[in-house]
Amino acid sequence: MTERPTLTGNTKTDVNNLLPAGANVVDIFTGIKQSPKQAELMEKVKQGVQKNYDWFVDYSKEYADVKPLPYHVNFGVTEA
């Protein structure tokens, strides 16, 4: 088994270490396209966080090891 190179956090160095020598075909992703509904929900969450910023900071610390954060009404959306 080939040992994996250690990632440095430097994109140029890491790409050169991870890709094999020679020509490579790659795709570059410039973002994730959201549906109108997803964009609407994200805007509501953004507004909820802005409105309840101090709460959000504390809540994020409380659930730092939990991904995604658990639902809370302060996010400004209804629970699924």
PDB file of N, CA and C in Angstrom:
ATOM      1  N   MET A   1       0.839  -1.171   0.000  1.00  0.00           N
ATOM      2  CA  MET A   1       0.000   0.000   0.000  1.00  0.00           C
ATOM      3  C   MET A   1       0.889   1.241   0.000  1.00  0.00           C
ATOM      4  N   THR A   2       0.558   2.211  -0.854  1.00  0.00           N
ATOM      5  CA  THR A   2       1.327   3.442  -0.947  1.00  0.00           C
ATOM      6  C   THR A   2       0.944   4.382   0.185  1.00  0.00           C
ATOM      7  N   GLU A   3       1.940   4.954   0.827  1.00  0.00           N
ATOM      8  CA  GLU A   3       1.681   5.895   1.914  1.00  0.00           C
ATOM      9  C   GLU A   3       1.201   7.221   1.338  1.00  0.00           C
ATOM     10  N   ARG A   4       0.190   7.798   1.967  1.00  0.00           N
ATOM     11  CA  ARG A   4      -0.342   9.081   1.514  1.00  0.00           C
ATOM     12  C   ARG A   4       0.571  10.209   1.976  1.00  0.00           C
ATOM     13  N   PRO A   5       0.762  11.220   1.113  1.00  0.00           N
ATOM     14  CA  PRO A   5       1.570  12.364   1.545  1.00  0.00           C
ATOM     15  C   PRO A   5       0.814  13.173   2.602  1.00  0.00           C
ATOM     16  N   THR A   6       1.555  13.811   3.471  1.00  0.00           N
ATOM     17  CA  THR A   6       0.961  14.663   4.493  1.00  0.00           C
ATOM     18  C   THR A   6       0.523  15.970   3.848  1.00  0.00           C
ATOM     19  N   LEU A   7      -0.701  16.402   4.148  1.00  0.00           N
ATOM     20  CA  LEU A   7      -1.187  17.671   3.617  1.00  0.00           C
ATOM     21  C   LEU A   7      -0.596  18.818   4.419  1.00  0.00           C
ATOM     22  N   THR A   8      -0.209  19.876   3.708  1.00  0.00           N
ATOM     23  CA  THR A   8       0.449  21.013   4.344  1.00  0.00           C
ATOM     24  C   THR A   8      -0.484  22.197   4.551  1.00  0.00           C
ATOM     25  N   GLY A   9      -1.606  22.221   3.821  1.00  0.00           N
ATOM     26  CA  GLY A   9      -2.482  23.386   3.849  1.00  0.00           C
ATOM     27  C   GLY A   9      -2.148  24.363   2.740  1.00  0.00           C
ATOM     28  N   ASN A  10      -1.039  24.147   2.059  1.00  0.00           N
ATOM     29  CA  ASN A  10      -0.655  24.966   0.917  1.00  0.00           C
ATOM     30  C   ASN A  10      -1.191  24.271  -0.330  1.00  0.00           C
ATOM     31  N   THR A  11      -2.162  24.909  -0.984  1.00  0.00           N
ATOM     32  CA  THR A  11      -2.852  24.273  -2.108  1.00  0.00           C
ATOM     33  C   THR A  11      -1.892  23.821  -3.197  1.00  0.00           C
ATOM     34  N   LYS A  12      -0.969  24.683  -3.589  1.00  0.00           N
ATOM     35  CA  LYS A  12      -0.050  24.337  -4.680  1.00  0.00           C
ATOM     36  C   LYS A  12       0.804  23.120  -4.311  1.00  0.00           C
ATOM     37  N   THR A  13       1.329  23.110  -3.115  1.00  0.00           N
ATOM     38  CA  THR A  13       2.150  21.981  -2.663  1.00  0.00           C
ATOM     39  C   THR A  13       1.318  20.709  -2.574  1.00  0.00           C
ATOM     40  N   ASP A  14       0.137  20.816  -1.957  1.00  0.00           N
ATOM     41  CA  ASP A  14      -0.701  19.631  -1.763  1.00  0.00           C
ATOM     42  C   ASP A  14      -1.176  19.042  -3.085  1.00  0.00           C
ATOM     43  N   VAL A  15      -1.580  19.884  -4.025  1.00  0.00           N
ATOM     44  CA  VAL A  15      -2.027  19.382  -5.333  1.00  0.00           C
ATOM     45  C   VAL A  15      -0.881  18.658  -6.022  1.00  0.00           C
ATOM     46  N   ASN A  16       0.288  19.239  -5.983  1.00  0.00           N
ATOM     47  CA  ASN A  16       1.447  18.592  -6.614  1.00  0.00           C
ATOM     48  C   ASN A  16       1.788  17.261  -5.949  1.00  0.00           C
ATOM     49  N   ASN A  17       1.574  17.157  -4.637  1.00  0.00           N
ATOM     50  CA  ASN A  17       1.855  15.903  -3.929  1.00  0.00           C
ATOM     51  C   ASN A  17       0.787  14.842  -4.164  1.00  0.00           C
ATOM     52  N   LEU A  18      -0.449  15.266  -4.387  1.00  0.00           N
ATOM     53  CA  LEU A  18      -1.553  14.313  -4.497  1.00  0.00           C
ATOM     54  C   LEU A  18      -1.794  13.805  -5.915  1.00  0.00           C
ATOM     55  N   LEU A  19      -1.574  14.660  -6.917  1.00  0.00           N
ATOM     56  CA  LEU A  19      -1.817  14.242  -8.300  1.00  0.00           C
ATOM     57  C   LEU A  19      -0.588  13.541  -8.859  1.00  0.00           C
ATOM     58  N   PRO A  20      -0.812  12.527  -9.659  1.00  0.00           N
ATOM     59  CA  PRO A  20       0.332  11.863 -10.277  1.00  0.00           C
ATOM     60  C   PRO A  20       1.012  12.787 -11.283  1.00  0.00           C
ATOM     61  N   ALA A  21       2.300  12.560 -11.510  1.00  0.00           N
ATOM     62  CA  ALA A  21       3.044  13.362 -12.478  1.00  0.00           C
ATOM     63  C   ALA A  21       2.447  13.180 -13.867  1.00  0.00           C
ATOM     64  N   GLY A  22       2.527  14.217 -14.684  1.00  0.00           N
ATOM     65  CA  GLY A  22       2.002  14.153 -16.040  1.00  0.00           C
ATOM     66  C   GLY A  22       0.722  14.954 -16.168  1.00  0.00           C
ATOM     67  N   ALA A  23       0.037  14.755 -17.280  1.00  0.00           N
ATOM     68  CA  ALA A  23      -1.192  15.498 -17.553  1.00  0.00           C
ATOM     69  C   ALA A  23      -2.347  14.927 -16.741  1.00  0.00           C
ATOM     70  N   ASN A  24      -3.166  15.813 -16.192  1.00  0.00           N
ATOM     71  CA  ASN A  24      -4.341  15.424 -15.414  1.00  0.00           C
ATOM     72  C   ASN A  24      -5.526  16.262 -15.855  1.00  0.00           C
ATOM     73  N   VAL A  25      -6.687  15.659 -15.932  1.00  0.00           N
ATOM     74  CA  VAL A  25      -7.919  16.381 -16.236  1.00  0.00           C
ATOM     75  C   VAL A  25      -8.628  16.637 -14.912  1.00  0.00           C
ATOM     76  N   VAL A  26      -8.987  17.903 -14.671  1.00  0.00           N
ATOM     77  CA  VAL A  26      -9.649  18.264 -13.417  1.00  0.00           C
ATOM     78  C   VAL A  26     -10.870  19.126 -13.703  1.00  0.00           C
ATOM     79  N   ASP A  27     -11.788  19.136 -12.769  1.00  0.00           N
ATOM     80  CA  ASP A  27     -12.931  20.038 -12.800  1.00  0.00           C
ATOM     81  C   ASP A  27     -12.790  20.993 -11.628  1.00  0.00           C
ATOM     82  N   ILE A  28     -13.161  22.244 -11.852  1.00  0.00           N
ATOM     83  CA  ILE A  28     -13.118  23.242 -10.791  1.00  0.00           C
ATOM     84  C   ILE A  28     -14.545  23.620 -10.446  1.00  0.00           C
ATOM     85  N   PHE A  29     -14.892  23.457  -9.183  1.00  0.00           N
ATOM     86  CA  PHE A  29     -16.226  23.806  -8.714  1.00  0.00           C
ATOM     87  C   PHE A  29     -16.180  25.214  -8.154  1.00  0.00           C
ATOM     88  N   THR A  30     -17.035  26.073  -8.665  1.00  0.00           N
ATOM     89  CA  THR A  30     -17.042  27.464  -8.217  1.00  0.00           C
ATOM     90  C   THR A  30     -18.132  27.735  -7.205  1.00  0.00           C
ATOM     91  N   GLY A  31     -18.909  26.740  -6.881  1.00  0.00           N
ATOM     92  CA  GLY A  31     -19.952  26.927  -5.880  1.00  0.00           C
ATOM     93  C   GLY A  31     -21.042  25.897  -6.043  1.00  0.00           C
ATOM     94  N   ILE A  32     -21.905  25.870  -5.070  1.00  0.00           N
ATOM     95  CA  ILE A  32     -23.027  24.952  -5.101  1.00  0.00           C
ATOM     96  C   ILE A  32     -24.260  25.734  -5.511  1.00  0.00           C
ATOM     97  N   LYS A  33     -24.935  25.258  -6.524  1.00  0.00           N
ATOM     98  CA  LYS A  33     -26.141  25.934  -6.983  1.00  0.00           C
ATOM     99  C   LYS A  33     -27.304  25.509  -6.095  1.00  0.00           C
ATOM    100  N   GLN A  34     -27.985  26.509  -5.540  1.00  0.00           N
ATOM    101  CA  GLN A  34     -29.113  26.236  -4.665  1.00  0.00           C
ATOM    102  C   GLN A  34     -30.422  26.406  -5.419  1.00  0.00           C
ATOM    103  N   SER A  35     -31.400  25.638  -5.008  1.00  0.00           N
ATOM    104  CA  SER A  35     -32.750  25.828  -5.536  1.00  0.00           C
ATOM    105  C   SER A  35     -33.311  27.100  -4.903  1.00  0.00           C
ATOM    106  N   PRO A  36     -34.351  27.679  -5.485  1.00  0.00           N
ATOM    107  CA  PRO A  36     -34.969  28.863  -4.876  1.00  0.00           C
ATOM    108  C   PRO A  36     -35.419  28.603  -3.435  1.00  0.00           C
ATOM    109  N   LYS A  37     -35.940  27.415  -3.147  1.00  0.00           N
ATOM    110  CA  LYS A  37     -36.388  27.080  -1.791  1.00  0.00           C
ATOM    111  C   LYS A  37     -35.201  27.035  -0.827  1.00  0.00           C
ATOM    112  N   GLN A  38     -34.091  26.440  -1.260  1.00  0.00           N
ATOM    113  CA  GLN A  38     -32.897  26.393  -0.413  1.00  0.00           C
ATOM    114  C   GLN A  38     -32.386  27.801  -0.123  1.00  0.00           C
ATOM    115  N   ALA A  39     -32.371  28.654  -1.137  1.00  0.00           N
ATOM    116  CA  ALA A  39     -31.917  30.034  -0.956  1.00  0.00           C
ATOM    117  C   ALA A  39     -32.825  30.775   0.021  1.00  0.00           C
ATOM    118  N   GLU A  40     -34.125  30.550  -0.079  1.00  0.00           N
ATOM    119  CA  GLU A  40     -35.088  31.176   0.830  1.00  0.00           C
ATOM    120  C   GLU A  40     -34.832  30.734   2.276  1.00  0.00           C
ATOM    121  N   LEU A  41     -34.635  29.435   2.478  1.00  0.00           N
ATOM    122  CA  LEU A  41     -34.377  28.923   3.824  1.00  0.00           C
ATOM    123  C   LEU A  41     -33.058  29.448   4.385  1.00  0.00           C
ATOM    124  N   MET A  42     -32.034  29.498   3.552  1.00  0.00           N
ATOM    125  CA  MET A  42     -30.740  30.012   4.009  1.00  0.00           C
ATOM    126  C   MET A  42     -30.846  31.483   4.409  1.00  0.00           C
ATOM    127  N   GLU A  43     -31.630  32.253   3.678  1.00  0.00           N
ATOM    128  CA  GLU A  43     -31.829  33.665   4.016  1.00  0.00           C
ATOM    129  C   GLU A  43     -32.543  33.790   5.359  1.00  0.00           C
ATOM    130  N   LYS A  44     -33.529  32.941   5.605  1.00  0.00           N
ATOM    131  CA  LYS A  44     -34.239  32.962   6.892  1.00  0.00           C
ATOM    132  C   LYS A  44     -33.295  32.613   8.041  1.00  0.00           C
ATOM    133  N   VAL A  45     -32.463  31.603   7.844  1.00  0.00           N
ATOM    134  CA  VAL A  45     -31.498  31.223   8.879  1.00  0.00           C
ATOM    135  C   VAL A  45     -30.515  32.371   9.118  1.00  0.00           C
ATOM    136  N   LYS A  46     -30.041  32.972   8.040  1.00  0.00           N
ATOM    137  CA  LYS A  46     -29.111  34.102   8.154  1.00  0.00           C
ATOM    138  C   LYS A  46     -29.733  35.231   8.971  1.00  0.00           C
ATOM    139  N   GLN A  47     -30.983  35.548   8.682  1.00  0.00           N
ATOM    140  CA  GLN A  47     -31.672  36.604   9.423  1.00  0.00           C
ATOM    141  C   GLN A  47     -31.872  36.208  10.883  1.00  0.00           C
ATOM    142  N   GLY A  48     -32.202  34.942  11.125  1.00  0.00           N
ATOM    143  CA  GLY A  48     -32.363  34.461  12.493  1.00  0.00           C
ATOM    144  C   GLY A  48     -31.077  34.574  13.290  1.00  0.00           C
ATOM    145  N   VAL A  49     -29.958  34.242  12.666  1.00  0.00           N
ATOM    146  CA  VAL A  49     -28.659  34.339  13.332  1.00  0.00           C
ATOM    147  C   VAL A  49     -28.322  35.806  13.610  1.00  0.00           C
ATOM    148  N   GLN A  50     -28.571  36.679  12.633  1.00  0.00           N
ATOM    149  CA  GLN A  50     -28.294  38.100  12.833  1.00  0.00           C
ATOM    150  C   GLN A  50     -29.147  38.676  13.960  1.00  0.00           C
ATOM    151  N   LYS A  51     -30.405  38.298  14.008  1.00  0.00           N
ATOM    152  CA  LYS A  51     -31.336  38.800  15.023  1.00  0.00           C
ATOM    153  C   LYS A  51     -30.973  38.282  16.416  1.00  0.00           C
ATOM    154  N   ASN A  52     -30.440  37.079  16.484  1.00  0.00           N
ATOM    155  CA  ASN A  52     -30.138  36.409  17.759  1.00  0.00           C
ATOM    156  C   ASN A  52     -28.649  36.078  17.862  1.00  0.00           C
ATOM    157  N   TYR A  53     -27.803  37.026  17.506  1.00  0.00           N
ATOM    158  CA  TYR A  53     -26.380  36.741  17.359  1.00  0.00           C
ATOM    159  C   TYR A  53     -25.730  36.246  18.657  1.00  0.00           C
ATOM    160  N   ASP A  54     -25.986  36.918  19.772  1.00  0.00           N
ATOM    161  CA  ASP A  54     -25.373  36.490  21.038  1.00  0.00           C
ATOM    162  C   ASP A  54     -25.788  35.062  21.393  1.00  0.00           C
ATOM    163  N   TRP A  55     -27.080  34.762  21.194  1.00  0.00           N
ATOM    164  CA  TRP A  55     -27.557  33.397  21.424  1.00  0.00           C
ATOM    165  C   TRP A  55     -26.811  32.422  20.508  1.00  0.00           C
ATOM    166  N   PHE A  56     -26.669  32.790  19.222  1.00  0.00           N
ATOM    167  CA  PHE A  56     -26.034  31.906  18.253  1.00  0.00           C
ATOM    168  C   PHE A  56     -24.590  31.582  18.650  1.00  0.00           C
ATOM    169  N   VAL A  57     -23.855  32.578  19.110  1.00  0.00           N
ATOM    170  CA  VAL A  57     -22.469  32.345  19.531  1.00  0.00           C
ATOM    171  C   VAL A  57     -22.435  31.330  20.673  1.00  0.00           C
ATOM    172  N   ASP A  58     -23.280  31.525  21.671  1.00  0.00           N
ATOM    173  CA  ASP A  58     -23.328  30.596  22.806  1.00  0.00           C
ATOM    174  C   ASP A  58     -23.796  29.202  22.377  1.00  0.00           C
ATOM    175  N   TYR A  59     -24.808  29.149  21.528  1.00  0.00           N
ATOM    176  CA  TYR A  59     -25.360  27.880  21.051  1.00  0.00           C
ATOM    177  C   TYR A  59     -24.309  27.107  20.256  1.00  0.00           C
ATOM    178  N   SER A  60     -23.565  27.825  19.419  1.00  0.00           N
ATOM    179  CA  SER A  60     -22.512  27.188  18.621  1.00  0.00           C
ATOM    180  C   SER A  60     -21.419  26.609  19.506  1.00  0.00           C
ATOM    181  N   LYS A  61     -21.087  27.312  20.577  1.00  0.00           N
ATOM    182  CA  LYS A  61     -20.077  26.801  21.513  1.00  0.00           C
ATOM    183  C   LYS A  61     -20.598  25.567  22.249  1.00  0.00           C
ATOM    184  N   GLU A  62     -21.868  25.630  22.659  1.00  0.00           N
ATOM    185  CA  GLU A  62     -22.470  24.516  23.393  1.00  0.00           C
ATOM    186  C   GLU A  62     -22.489  23.237  22.561  1.00  0.00           C
ATOM    187  N   TYR A  63     -22.720  23.385  21.258  1.00  0.00           N
ATOM    188  CA  TYR A  63     -22.822  22.228  20.363  1.00  0.00           C
ATOM    189  C   TYR A  63     -21.653  22.172  19.377  1.00  0.00           C
ATOM    190  N   ALA A  64     -20.479  22.582  19.830  1.00  0.00           N
ATOM    191  CA  ALA A  64     -19.310  22.641  18.947  1.00  0.00           C
ATOM    192  C   ALA A  64     -18.977  21.296  18.312  1.00  0.00           C
ATOM    193  N   ASP A  65     -19.274  20.202  18.994  1.00  0.00           N
ATOM    194  CA  ASP A  65     -18.937  18.872  18.473  1.00  0.00           C
ATOM    195  C   ASP A  65     -20.084  18.221  17.713  1.00  0.00           C
ATOM    196  N   VAL A  66     -21.183  18.942  17.526  1.00  0.00           N
ATOM    197  CA  VAL A  66     -22.365  18.384  16.864  1.00  0.00           C
ATOM    198  C   VAL A  66     -22.526  19.049  15.497  1.00  0.00           C
ATOM    199  N   LYS A  67     -22.588  18.238  14.454  1.00  0.00           N
ATOM    200  CA  LYS A  67     -22.780  18.754  13.093  1.00  0.00           C
ATOM    201  C   LYS A  67     -23.891  17.984  12.421  1.00  0.00           C
ATOM    202  N   PRO A  68     -24.859  18.604  11.836  1.00  0.00           N
ATOM    203  CA  PRO A  68     -25.154  20.036  11.909  1.00  0.00           C
ATOM    204  C   PRO A  68     -25.707  20.396  13.280  1.00  0.00           C
ATOM    205  N   LEU A  69     -25.785  21.698  13.546  1.00  0.00           N
ATOM    206  CA  LEU A  69     -26.348  22.148  14.816  1.00  0.00           C
ATOM    207  C   LEU A  69     -27.784  21.666  14.948  1.00  0.00           C
ATOM    208  N   PRO A  70     -28.199  21.313  16.157  1.00  0.00           N
ATOM    209  CA  PRO A  70     -29.593  20.905  16.363  1.00  0.00           C
ATOM    210  C   PRO A  70     -30.552  22.065  16.076  1.00  0.00           C
ATOM    211  N   TYR A  71     -31.767  21.715  15.690  1.00  0.00           N
ATOM    212  CA  TYR A  71     -32.796  22.718  15.415  1.00  0.00           C
ATOM    213  C   TYR A  71     -33.049  23.579  16.651  1.00  0.00           C
ATOM    214  N   HIS A  72     -33.309  24.847  16.403  1.00  0.00           N
ATOM    215  CA  HIS A  72     -33.763  25.771  17.445  1.00  0.00           C
ATOM    216  C   HIS A  72     -34.631  26.824  16.763  1.00  0.00           C
ATOM    217  N   VAL A  73     -35.682  27.233  17.431  1.00  0.00           N
ATOM    218  CA  VAL A  73     -36.618  28.205  16.866  1.00  0.00           C
ATOM    219  C   VAL A  73     -35.921  29.519  16.496  1.00  0.00           C
ATOM    220  N   ASN A  74     -34.826  29.859  17.181  1.00  0.00           N
ATOM    221  CA  ASN A  74     -34.119  31.111  16.889  1.00  0.00           C
ATOM    222  C   ASN A  74     -33.489  31.141  15.499  1.00  0.00           C
ATOM    223  N   PHE A  75     -33.404  29.996  14.837  1.00  0.00           N
ATOM    224  CA  PHE A  75     -32.884  29.986  13.468  1.00  0.00           C
ATOM    225  C   PHE A  75     -33.863  30.623  12.487  1.00  0.00           C
ATOM    226  N   GLY A  76     -35.119  30.786  12.904  1.00  0.00           N
ATOM    227  CA  GLY A  76     -36.087  31.479  12.057  1.00  0.00           C
ATOM    228  C   GLY A  76     -36.798  30.600  11.052  1.00  0.00           C
ATOM    229  N   VAL A  77     -36.659  29.303  11.178  1.00  0.00           N
ATOM    230  CA  VAL A  77     -37.346  28.368  10.287  1.00  0.00           C
ATOM    231  C   VAL A  77     -38.089  27.345  11.142  1.00  0.00           C
ATOM    232  N   THR A  78     -39.045  26.660  10.536  1.00  0.00           N
ATOM    233  CA  THR A  78     -39.774  25.628  11.266  1.00  0.00           C
ATOM    234  C   THR A  78     -39.000  24.317  11.223  1.00  0.00           C
ATOM    235  N   GLU A  79     -39.228  23.479  12.209  1.00  0.00           N
ATOM    236  CA  GLU A  79     -38.539  22.194  12.288  1.00  0.00           C
ATOM    237  C   GLU A  79     -39.088  21.237  11.243  1.00  0.00           C
ATOM    238  N   ALA A  80     -38.197  20.490  10.623  1.00  0.00           N
ATOM    239  CA  ALA A  80     -38.613  19.531   9.589  1.00  0.00           C
ATOM    240  C   ALA A  80     -39.379  18.383  10.191  1.00  0.00           C
TER     241      ALA A  80
END
